[in-house]
Amino acid sequence: MSEATGDKIEISKAISNLSDLIACKGVSDSGEGIQESVQFLKQFLRSHLNAEVTIVKAENDGNPIILATVKGIKKDAIMFYGHYDVMDPGDLNKWDSDPFKLTRRNGKLYARGAGDNRGQLMASIQGVEQYLNSIEGMPPQTIMFFIEGEEEQGSRNLFATVAKHTDKLKLES
């Protein structure tokens, strides 16, 4: 198998993974698909990064926050921020395709959340996965993901939740 073929397989796999997340919906204001999105990401982070994953219940019955940690050799950490929620797609008749089915048109990918923020989130996770697969043993620094579920609603419970759960964000000494 040529290197180019291998790259195509990896890109195809990455697109498939994004498609699976898109299909979970995760509409912030209605709650539709929020739990499915959380469970998908929890399982994905565990199976692809061997991460320790904690689901933090947001204050005021808000959407959960996902904290994932890949232990490193040093105590310091690199943290990636993202969000799994999306805006309501609105009038479905105004869409050229199902907003929750990743669709390729003219060499571009379309779906609700493909650019903000699910595409970037999955690219970050899968980039870390590729990095971890390229090294032997633990990474030099701890790698963390902080993924919230209310960004599309102004992160209305983020500050109260972080204030209450700062212990979960601290690195072990």
N, C-alpha and C. Protein backbone atom coordinates (compact mmCIF):
# COMPACT_ATOMS: atom_id res chain seq x y z
N MET A 1 0.85 -1.18 0.00
CA MET A 1 0.00 0.00 0.00
C MET A 1 0.89 1.23 0.00
N SER A 2 0.62 2.15 -0.88
CA SER A 2 1.40 3.38 -0.97
C SER A 2 1.04 4.32 0.18
N GLU A 3 1.92 5.29 0.42
CA GLU A 3 1.66 6.26 1.48
C GLU A 3 0.40 7.07 1.17
N ALA A 4 0.22 7.42 -0.12
CA ALA A 4 -0.97 8.19 -0.51
C ALA A 4 -2.24 7.41 -0.22
N THR A 5 -2.23 6.10 -0.49
CA THR A 5 -3.40 5.27 -0.20
C THR A 5 -3.65 5.25 1.29
N GLY A 6 -2.59 5.13 2.07
CA GLY A 6 -2.74 5.14 3.53
C GLY A 6 -3.34 6.43 4.03
N ASP A 7 -2.91 7.57 3.44
CA ASP A 7 -3.47 8.86 3.81
C ASP A 7 -4.96 8.92 3.50
N LYS A 8 -5.34 8.40 2.33
CA LYS A 8 -6.75 8.42 1.96
C LYS A 8 -7.58 7.60 2.93
N ILE A 9 -7.03 6.47 3.37
CA ILE A 9 -7.75 5.65 4.33
C ILE A 9 -7.93 6.42 5.64
N GLU A 10 -6.90 7.10 6.10
CA GLU A 10 -6.99 7.86 7.34
C GLU A 10 -8.00 9.01 7.19
N ILE A 11 -7.98 9.69 6.07
CA ILE A 11 -8.93 10.79 5.85
C ILE A 11 -10.35 10.24 5.80
N SER A 12 -10.51 9.12 5.12
CA SER A 12 -11.84 8.49 5.04
C SER A 12 -12.34 8.10 6.43
N LYS A 13 -11.46 7.56 7.24
CA LYS A 13 -11.82 7.17 8.61
C LYS A 13 -12.18 8.41 9.44
N ALA A 14 -11.40 9.48 9.27
CA ALA A 14 -11.67 10.71 10.01
C ALA A 14 -13.02 11.30 9.62
N ILE A 15 -13.32 11.28 8.33
CA ILE A 15 -14.62 11.79 7.86
C ILE A 15 -15.75 10.93 8.39
N SER A 16 -15.54 9.63 8.42
CA SER A 16 -16.56 8.72 8.96
C SER A 16 -16.81 8.99 10.45
N ASN A 17 -15.74 9.24 11.20
CA ASN A 17 -15.88 9.55 12.63
C ASN A 17 -16.64 10.85 12.82
N LEU A 18 -16.34 11.86 12.02
CA LEU A 18 -17.06 13.13 12.09
C LEU A 18 -18.53 12.90 11.74
N SER A 19 -18.79 12.12 10.72
CA SER A 19 -20.16 11.81 10.32
C SER A 19 -20.95 11.18 11.46
N ASP A 20 -20.29 10.28 12.20
CA ASP A 20 -20.95 9.63 13.34
C ASP A 20 -21.31 10.64 14.42
N LEU A 21 -20.42 11.59 14.69
CA LEU A 21 -20.72 12.62 15.69
C LEU A 21 -21.83 13.54 15.21
N ILE A 22 -21.78 13.95 13.95
CA ILE A 22 -22.82 14.82 13.39
C ILE A 22 -24.20 14.17 13.54
N ALA A 23 -24.27 12.87 13.30
CA ALA A 23 -25.54 12.14 13.37
C ALA A 23 -26.14 12.14 14.77
N CYS A 24 -25.34 12.41 15.79
CA CYS A 24 -25.85 12.45 17.17
C CYS A 24 -26.69 13.70 17.44
N LYS A 25 -26.69 14.62 16.58
CA LYS A 25 -27.41 15.90 16.65
C LYS A 25 -26.80 16.81 17.71
N GLY A 26 -27.21 16.77 18.94
CA GLY A 26 -26.63 17.63 19.97
C GLY A 26 -27.07 19.07 19.92
N VAL A 27 -28.37 19.28 19.74
CA VAL A 27 -28.92 20.63 19.63
C VAL A 27 -28.98 21.25 21.04
N SER A 28 -28.24 22.30 21.22
CA SER A 28 -28.05 22.90 22.53
C SER A 28 -29.34 23.36 23.19
N ASP A 29 -30.15 24.12 22.48
CA ASP A 29 -31.31 24.73 23.15
C ASP A 29 -32.44 23.73 23.41
N SER A 30 -32.63 22.72 22.57
CA SER A 30 -33.71 21.75 22.79
C SER A 30 -33.25 20.53 23.57
N GLY A 31 -31.95 20.27 23.58
CA GLY A 31 -31.42 19.08 24.24
C GLY A 31 -31.45 17.84 23.36
N GLU A 32 -31.98 17.96 22.16
CA GLU A 32 -32.06 16.81 21.27
C GLU A 32 -30.66 16.29 20.93
N GLY A 33 -30.40 15.04 21.28
CA GLY A 33 -29.14 14.39 20.96
C GLY A 33 -27.98 14.76 21.86
N ILE A 34 -28.22 15.52 22.91
CA ILE A 34 -27.12 15.91 23.81
C ILE A 34 -26.51 14.68 24.46
N GLN A 35 -27.34 13.82 25.05
CA GLN A 35 -26.80 12.63 25.72
C GLN A 35 -26.10 11.70 24.74
N GLU A 36 -26.64 11.57 23.53
CA GLU A 36 -25.99 10.73 22.51
C GLU A 36 -24.63 11.29 22.14
N SER A 37 -24.55 12.61 22.03
CA SER A 37 -23.27 13.26 21.71
C SER A 37 -22.25 13.03 22.82
N VAL A 38 -22.68 13.18 24.06
CA VAL A 38 -21.80 12.98 25.21
C VAL A 38 -21.31 11.53 25.24
N GLN A 39 -22.21 10.58 25.07
CA GLN A 39 -21.82 9.17 25.11
C GLN A 39 -20.89 8.81 23.94
N PHE A 40 -21.18 9.34 22.76
CA PHE A 40 -20.30 9.09 21.61
C PHE A 40 -18.89 9.58 21.91
N LEU A 41 -18.77 10.83 22.37
CA LEU A 41 -17.44 11.39 22.63
C LEU A 41 -16.74 10.69 23.79
N LYS A 42 -17.49 10.34 24.81
CA LYS A 42 -16.91 9.62 25.95
C LYS A 42 -16.28 8.31 25.46
N GLN A 43 -17.01 7.55 24.71
CA GLN A 43 -16.51 6.27 24.19
C GLN A 43 -15.36 6.49 23.21
N PHE A 44 -15.49 7.49 22.35
CA PHE A 44 -14.45 7.77 21.35
C PHE A 44 -13.14 8.16 22.03
N LEU A 45 -13.19 9.04 23.01
CA LEU A 45 -11.99 9.47 23.72
C LEU A 45 -11.35 8.31 24.47
N ARG A 46 -12.16 7.46 25.06
CA ARG A 46 -11.62 6.28 25.76
C ARG A 46 -10.97 5.31 24.78
N SER A 47 -11.67 4.99 23.71
CA SER A 47 -11.16 3.96 22.81
C SER A 47 -10.04 4.45 21.90
N HIS A 48 -10.04 5.71 21.51
CA HIS A 48 -9.03 6.20 20.57
C HIS A 48 -7.82 6.84 21.25
N LEU A 49 -8.00 7.40 22.44
CA LEU A 49 -6.89 8.05 23.14
C LEU A 49 -6.52 7.34 24.44
N ASN A 50 -7.28 6.33 24.80
CA ASN A 50 -7.11 5.69 26.10
C ASN A 50 -7.17 6.74 27.21
N ALA A 51 -8.06 7.70 27.05
CA ALA A 51 -8.19 8.81 27.99
C ALA A 51 -9.06 8.42 29.18
N GLU A 52 -8.76 9.04 30.29
CA GLU A 52 -9.64 8.96 31.46
C GLU A 52 -10.69 10.04 31.22
N VAL A 53 -11.96 9.65 31.19
CA VAL A 53 -13.02 10.59 30.85
C VAL A 53 -13.96 10.77 32.03
N THR A 54 -14.23 12.03 32.36
CA THR A 54 -15.17 12.37 33.42
C THR A 54 -16.26 13.24 32.80
N ILE A 55 -17.50 12.89 33.10
CA ILE A 55 -18.63 13.70 32.66
C ILE A 55 -19.07 14.54 33.86
N VAL A 56 -19.03 15.85 33.70
CA VAL A 56 -19.38 16.77 34.78
C VAL A 56 -20.77 17.32 34.51
N LYS A 57 -21.65 17.13 35.46
CA LYS A 57 -23.01 17.67 35.34
C LYS A 57 -22.93 19.19 35.51
N ALA A 58 -23.42 19.89 34.53
CA ALA A 58 -23.38 21.35 34.58
C ALA A 58 -24.37 21.88 35.62
N GLU A 59 -24.04 23.01 36.17
CA GLU A 59 -24.93 23.68 37.11
C GLU A 59 -26.24 24.05 36.42
N ASN A 60 -27.28 24.22 37.21
CA ASN A 60 -28.59 24.67 36.73
C ASN A 60 -29.17 23.77 35.63
N ASP A 61 -28.90 22.46 35.76
CA ASP A 61 -29.39 21.47 34.78
C ASP A 61 -28.93 21.77 33.36
N GLY A 62 -27.75 22.33 33.23
CA GLY A 62 -27.18 22.60 31.91
C GLY A 62 -26.63 21.33 31.28
N ASN A 63 -26.18 21.46 30.06
CA ASN A 63 -25.61 20.32 29.33
C ASN A 63 -24.26 19.95 29.92
N PRO A 64 -23.98 18.65 30.00
CA PRO A 64 -22.74 18.18 30.63
C PRO A 64 -21.47 18.69 29.95
N ILE A 65 -20.41 18.69 30.73
CA ILE A 65 -19.06 18.99 30.25
C ILE A 65 -18.29 17.68 30.26
N ILE A 66 -17.50 17.47 29.22
CA ILE A 66 -16.67 16.27 29.11
C ILE A 66 -15.23 16.68 29.39
N LEU A 67 -14.62 16.02 30.36
CA LEU A 67 -13.20 16.22 30.66
C LEU A 67 -12.48 14.92 30.33
N ALA A 68 -11.48 15.01 29.49
CA ALA A 68 -10.70 13.82 29.12
C ALA A 68 -9.23 14.10 29.38
N THR A 69 -8.55 13.13 29.95
CA THR A 69 -7.14 13.30 30.31
C THR A 69 -6.33 12.11 29.84
N VAL A 70 -5.23 12.42 29.16
CA VAL A 70 -4.22 11.43 28.79
C VAL A 70 -3.00 11.80 29.61
N LYS A 71 -2.64 10.95 30.54
CA LYS A 71 -1.53 11.24 31.46
C LYS A 71 -0.21 11.35 30.70
N GLY A 72 0.57 12.36 31.10
CA GLY A 72 1.88 12.57 30.53
C GLY A 72 2.97 12.35 31.56
N ILE A 73 4.20 12.43 31.11
CA ILE A 73 5.34 12.22 32.01
C ILE A 73 5.46 13.39 32.99
N LYS A 74 5.30 14.61 32.50
CA LYS A 74 5.41 15.81 33.34
C LYS A 74 4.05 16.19 33.91
N LYS A 75 4.07 17.02 34.95
CA LYS A 75 2.82 17.48 35.57
C LYS A 75 2.10 18.53 34.73
N ASP A 76 2.84 19.28 33.91
CA ASP A 76 2.17 20.33 33.14
C ASP A 76 1.28 19.72 32.07
N ALA A 77 0.36 20.53 31.55
CA ALA A 77 -0.64 19.99 30.63
C ALA A 77 -0.87 20.91 29.45
N ILE A 78 -1.32 20.29 28.39
CA ILE A 78 -1.82 20.99 27.21
C ILE A 78 -3.31 20.72 27.21
N MET A 79 -4.13 21.79 27.15
CA MET A 79 -5.58 21.59 27.16
C MET A 79 -6.18 22.07 25.85
N PHE A 80 -7.03 21.22 25.28
CA PHE A 80 -7.80 21.57 24.10
C PHE A 80 -9.22 21.86 24.55
N TYR A 81 -9.76 22.96 24.05
CA TYR A 81 -11.14 23.33 24.34
C TYR A 81 -11.97 23.11 23.08
N GLY A 82 -13.19 22.65 23.28
CA GLY A 82 -14.12 22.54 22.17
C GLY A 82 -15.53 22.44 22.72
N HIS A 83 -16.49 22.36 21.81
CA HIS A 83 -17.87 22.15 22.24
C HIS A 83 -18.54 21.18 21.28
N TYR A 84 -19.44 20.40 21.85
CA TYR A 84 -20.14 19.38 21.06
C TYR A 84 -21.54 19.80 20.66
N ASP A 85 -22.02 20.90 21.19
CA ASP A 85 -23.39 21.33 20.88
C ASP A 85 -23.45 22.12 19.58
N VAL A 86 -24.63 22.13 18.99
CA VAL A 86 -24.87 22.88 17.76
C VAL A 86 -26.15 23.70 17.92
N MET A 87 -26.31 24.67 17.03
CA MET A 87 -27.54 25.45 16.97
C MET A 87 -28.63 24.63 16.31
N ASP A 88 -29.87 24.96 16.62
CA ASP A 88 -31.00 24.35 15.93
C ASP A 88 -30.85 24.64 14.44
N PRO A 89 -31.11 23.66 13.57
CA PRO A 89 -30.93 23.90 12.14
C PRO A 89 -31.98 24.81 11.52
N GLY A 90 -33.04 25.12 12.24
CA GLY A 90 -34.07 25.99 11.70
C GLY A 90 -34.94 25.28 10.68
N ASP A 91 -35.40 26.01 9.70
CA ASP A 91 -36.29 25.48 8.66
C ASP A 91 -35.53 24.46 7.80
N LEU A 92 -35.89 23.18 7.93
CA LEU A 92 -35.21 22.12 7.20
C LEU A 92 -35.38 22.25 5.69
N ASN A 93 -36.43 22.94 5.25
CA ASN A 93 -36.64 23.14 3.82
C ASN A 93 -35.59 24.07 3.20
N LYS A 94 -34.89 24.81 4.03
CA LYS A 94 -33.86 25.71 3.53
C LYS A 94 -32.49 25.02 3.40
N TRP A 95 -32.42 23.78 3.82
CA TRP A 95 -31.19 23.01 3.71
C TRP A 95 -31.20 22.23 2.39
N ASP A 96 -30.03 22.12 1.77
CA ASP A 96 -29.90 21.32 0.55
C ASP A 96 -29.81 19.83 0.86
N SER A 97 -29.54 19.50 2.12
CA SER A 97 -29.44 18.10 2.55
C SER A 97 -29.77 18.04 4.04
N ASP A 98 -29.92 16.84 4.54
CA ASP A 98 -30.21 16.63 5.96
C ASP A 98 -29.08 17.28 6.79
N PRO A 99 -29.40 18.22 7.69
CA PRO A 99 -28.35 18.90 8.45
C PRO A 99 -27.57 17.97 9.39
N PHE A 100 -28.11 16.80 9.67
CA PHE A 100 -27.42 15.88 10.57
C PHE A 100 -26.87 14.65 9.84
N LYS A 101 -26.66 14.82 8.54
CA LYS A 101 -26.01 13.80 7.73
C LYS A 101 -24.89 14.50 6.97
N LEU A 102 -23.66 14.16 7.31
CA LEU A 102 -22.51 14.78 6.66
C LEU A 102 -22.58 14.49 5.16
N THR A 103 -22.56 15.56 4.37
CA THR A 103 -22.75 15.44 2.93
C THR A 103 -21.61 16.15 2.21
N ARG A 104 -21.08 15.50 1.18
CA ARG A 104 -20.01 16.09 0.38
C ARG A 104 -20.63 16.67 -0.90
N ARG A 105 -20.33 17.96 -1.13
CA ARG A 105 -20.76 18.62 -2.36
C ARG A 105 -19.62 19.52 -2.84
N ASN A 106 -19.27 19.39 -4.09
CA ASN A 106 -18.23 20.24 -4.67
C ASN A 106 -16.94 20.22 -3.85
N GLY A 107 -16.59 19.04 -3.34
CA GLY A 107 -15.36 18.88 -2.59
C GLY A 107 -15.39 19.43 -1.17
N LYS A 108 -16.56 19.84 -0.70
CA LYS A 108 -16.69 20.37 0.66
C LYS A 108 -17.68 19.52 1.44
N LEU A 109 -17.52 19.53 2.76
CA LEU A 109 -18.41 18.78 3.64
C LEU A 109 -19.41 19.73 4.28
N TYR A 110 -20.68 19.32 4.27
CA TYR A 110 -21.76 20.14 4.84
C TYR A 110 -22.53 19.34 5.87
N ALA A 111 -22.87 19.99 6.97
CA ALA A 111 -23.75 19.45 8.01
C ALA A 111 -23.77 20.48 9.14
N ARG A 112 -24.77 20.38 10.00
CA ARG A 112 -24.84 21.26 11.17
C ARG A 112 -23.67 20.90 12.09
N GLY A 113 -22.82 21.86 12.35
CA GLY A 113 -21.68 21.65 13.24
C GLY A 113 -20.41 21.19 12.56
N ALA A 114 -20.44 20.99 11.24
CA ALA A 114 -19.24 20.50 10.54
C ALA A 114 -18.06 21.48 10.70
N GLY A 115 -18.35 22.77 10.76
CA GLY A 115 -17.30 23.75 10.93
C GLY A 115 -17.22 24.29 12.34
N ASP A 116 -18.35 24.42 13.00
CA ASP A 116 -18.41 25.00 14.34
C ASP A 116 -19.19 24.08 15.25
N ASN A 117 -18.60 23.32 15.94
CA ASN A 117 -17.20 23.13 16.26
C ASN A 117 -16.83 21.66 16.13
N ARG A 118 -17.74 20.87 15.64
CA ARG A 118 -17.51 19.43 15.62
C ARG A 118 -16.37 19.02 14.69
N GLY A 119 -16.24 19.68 13.56
CA GLY A 119 -15.14 19.36 12.65
C GLY A 119 -13.80 19.63 13.30
N GLN A 120 -13.67 20.81 13.89
CA GLN A 120 -12.44 21.17 14.57
C GLN A 120 -12.18 20.27 15.77
N LEU A 121 -13.21 19.98 16.52
CA LEU A 121 -13.08 19.12 17.70
C LEU A 121 -12.56 17.73 17.31
N MET A 122 -13.19 17.13 16.30
CA MET A 122 -12.77 15.79 15.89
C MET A 122 -11.37 15.83 15.26
N ALA A 123 -11.03 16.91 14.55
CA ALA A 123 -9.68 17.04 14.00
C ALA A 123 -8.65 17.09 15.13
N SER A 124 -8.96 17.82 16.20
CA SER A 124 -8.04 17.90 17.35
C SER A 124 -7.89 16.54 18.02
N ILE A 125 -8.99 15.87 18.26
CA ILE A 125 -8.94 14.56 18.92
C ILE A 125 -8.17 13.56 18.06
N GLN A 126 -8.48 13.54 16.77
CA GLN A 126 -7.82 12.58 15.89
C GLN A 126 -6.36 12.95 15.63
N GLY A 127 -6.03 14.24 15.69
CA GLY A 127 -4.64 14.66 15.60
C GLY A 127 -3.85 14.17 16.81
N VAL A 128 -4.44 14.29 17.99
CA VAL A 128 -3.79 13.78 19.21
C VAL A 128 -3.65 12.26 19.11
N GLU A 129 -4.67 11.59 18.59
CA GLU A 129 -4.59 10.14 18.41
C GLU A 129 -3.40 9.76 17.52
N GLN A 130 -3.25 10.47 16.40
CA GLN A 130 -2.12 10.19 15.50
C GLN A 130 -0.79 10.44 16.20
N TYR A 131 -0.73 11.52 16.98
CA TYR A 131 0.49 11.82 17.74
C TYR A 131 0.80 10.70 18.73
N LEU A 132 -0.20 10.28 19.50
CA LEU A 132 0.02 9.22 20.49
C LEU A 132 0.45 7.91 19.83
N ASN A 133 -0.09 7.64 18.65
CA ASN A 133 0.30 6.43 17.92
C ASN A 133 1.73 6.51 17.38
N SER A 134 2.28 7.72 17.29
CA SER A 134 3.62 7.89 16.72
C SER A 134 4.72 7.88 17.77
N ILE A 135 4.35 7.90 19.05
CA ILE A 135 5.36 7.92 20.12
C ILE A 135 5.32 6.61 20.88
N GLU A 136 6.39 6.37 21.60
CA GLU A 136 6.43 5.20 22.48
C GLU A 136 6.19 5.68 23.90
N GLY A 137 5.29 5.00 24.60
CA GLY A 137 5.02 5.34 25.98
C GLY A 137 4.13 6.56 26.12
N MET A 138 4.29 7.21 27.26
CA MET A 138 3.46 8.37 27.59
C MET A 138 3.95 9.61 26.87
N PRO A 139 3.03 10.56 26.62
CA PRO A 139 3.47 11.84 26.06
C PRO A 139 4.24 12.63 27.11
N PRO A 140 5.07 13.59 26.67
CA PRO A 140 5.85 14.38 27.63
C PRO A 140 4.95 15.16 28.60
N GLN A 141 3.88 15.77 28.09
CA GLN A 141 2.95 16.51 28.94
C GLN A 141 1.61 15.78 28.96
N THR A 142 0.86 16.05 30.01
CA THR A 142 -0.51 15.56 30.08
C THR A 142 -1.31 16.29 29.01
N ILE A 143 -2.21 15.57 28.36
CA ILE A 143 -3.07 16.15 27.34
C ILE A 143 -4.50 16.10 27.86
N MET A 144 -5.15 17.25 27.85
CA MET A 144 -6.52 17.31 28.36
C MET A 144 -7.46 17.87 27.29
N PHE A 145 -8.70 17.42 27.33
CA PHE A 145 -9.77 17.98 26.51
C PHE A 145 -10.86 18.47 27.45
N PHE A 146 -11.30 19.69 27.22
CA PHE A 146 -12.41 20.29 27.94
C PHE A 146 -13.46 20.59 26.89
N ILE A 147 -14.56 19.81 26.91
CA ILE A 147 -15.55 19.90 25.85
C ILE A 147 -16.90 20.22 26.47
N GLU A 148 -17.39 21.41 26.19
CA GLU A 148 -18.65 21.82 26.80
C GLU A 148 -19.83 21.65 25.86
N GLY A 149 -21.02 21.76 26.42
CA GLY A 149 -22.24 21.51 25.65
C GLY A 149 -23.21 22.68 25.59
N GLU A 150 -22.72 23.88 25.90
CA GLU A 150 -23.62 25.04 25.87
C GLU A 150 -23.00 26.25 25.20
N GLU A 151 -21.98 26.06 24.42
CA GLU A 151 -21.31 27.19 23.79
C GLU A 151 -22.26 27.94 22.87
N GLU A 152 -23.10 27.20 22.17
CA GLU A 152 -24.04 27.84 21.24
C GLU A 152 -25.15 28.60 21.96
N GLN A 153 -25.21 28.49 23.25
CA GLN A 153 -26.17 29.24 24.06
C GLN A 153 -25.45 30.22 24.98
N GLY A 154 -24.24 30.59 24.61
CA GLY A 154 -23.50 31.58 25.39
C GLY A 154 -22.79 31.00 26.61
N SER A 155 -22.61 29.69 26.66
CA SER A 155 -21.90 29.03 27.78
C SER A 155 -22.48 29.47 29.12
N ARG A 156 -23.80 29.53 29.17
CA ARG A 156 -24.47 30.16 30.31
C ARG A 156 -24.19 29.52 31.68
N ASN A 157 -23.84 28.25 31.72
CA ASN A 157 -23.55 27.61 33.01
C ASN A 157 -22.08 27.26 33.18
N LEU A 158 -21.26 27.66 32.24
CA LEU A 158 -19.85 27.27 32.26
C LEU A 158 -19.11 27.80 33.49
N PHE A 159 -19.23 29.08 33.76
CA PHE A 159 -18.45 29.66 34.86
C PHE A 159 -18.85 29.09 36.21
N ALA A 160 -20.14 28.92 36.45
CA ALA A 160 -20.60 28.35 37.72
C ALA A 160 -20.15 26.90 37.85
N THR A 161 -20.17 26.16 36.75
CA THR A 161 -19.78 24.75 36.79
C THR A 161 -18.28 24.61 37.03
N VAL A 162 -17.49 25.41 36.35
CA VAL A 162 -16.04 25.37 36.54
C VAL A 162 -15.70 25.78 37.97
N ALA A 163 -16.34 26.81 38.49
CA ALA A 163 -16.08 27.26 39.86
C ALA A 163 -16.38 26.14 40.87
N LYS A 164 -17.45 25.40 40.63
CA LYS A 164 -17.83 24.33 41.55
C LYS A 164 -16.92 23.11 41.43
N HIS A 165 -16.36 22.89 40.26
CA HIS A 165 -15.60 21.65 40.00
C HIS A 165 -14.13 21.91 39.68
N THR A 166 -13.53 22.93 40.26
CA THR A 166 -12.13 23.22 39.98
C THR A 166 -11.22 22.05 40.34
N ASP A 167 -11.63 21.24 41.31
CA ASP A 167 -10.83 20.09 41.70
C ASP A 167 -10.65 19.11 40.53
N LYS A 168 -11.62 19.00 39.66
CA LYS A 168 -11.53 18.09 38.52
C LYS A 168 -10.60 18.61 37.43
N LEU A 169 -10.30 19.89 37.48
CA LEU A 169 -9.43 20.49 36.47
C LEU A 169 -7.97 20.57 36.92
N LYS A 170 -7.71 20.27 38.18
CA LYS A 170 -6.35 20.33 38.71
C LYS A 170 -5.61 19.05 38.33
N LEU A 171 -4.34 19.20 38.05
CA LEU A 171 -3.49 18.05 37.78
C LEU A 171 -3.01 17.46 39.09
N GLU A 172 -2.83 16.15 39.08
CA GLU A 172 -2.31 15.50 40.27
C GLU A 172 -0.85 15.88 40.45
N SER A 173 -0.44 16.08 41.68
CA SER A 173 0.95 16.43 41.95
C SER A 173 1.85 15.22 41.93
